[in-house]
Amino acid sequence: MIIRRLLPSYWQQLREIRLESLKEAGFAFGSSYENEVKFSDRQWQDLLSSEESFYFAAITIANEIAALAGIRRYPNKQWFVVGVYVKPKHRGQGVIQQLLKYLIEYNQEMVLNSGFPLALTVIISNVSAIRIYQQLGFKIMQQLEPRQMGDGSLSAEYRMELIISEK
């Protein structure tokens, strides 16, 4: 696997895997397939051109995106890991750990400069994802109120944070 940041020229690949993730695992995301399938080409390109969000992918030798993860800065200036997804045939192979380690290292200075820990939310029922995040050093900080997910279901989430320190 090769891990790389997705540049604006990869917008079609981002669109493809993001829509796949929303179809296959809409229960885990705050957005829906029905919402994002309406995005214009320009909106997809903008996601990869912004200074407020970056996406990274694990790419196979066959040039297929196996996994996706993003990092986005919210108005309070805190960075969040977003849009984490692994294609079913690549699960259980350590791909997401490799991708998230890269994302964390690549963005270390930016997160440090924000003055906040790196954060994410994960639905409580996603035990395997919680375990992976904990192995990477994330700690559960609080249980959030249930909210409507992309598939219309109501799910409670944990807010997890990773304190990044200078090496």
Foldseek 3Di string as FASTA:
>chain_A
DDKDWDALVCLVLVLVVLLVCQVVPQVKAAAHNVVSVPDDNVVSSCQRVDPFKIKMFDADPVRHTQWIWMWGQDPLRAIEIDDTDGPPVCPPVCRSLVRVVCVCVVCVVSNVVSVFFYKYKGFPVPVVVVVSVVVVPKDFDDKAAWDQTHVRDTTIITMITHHRDDD
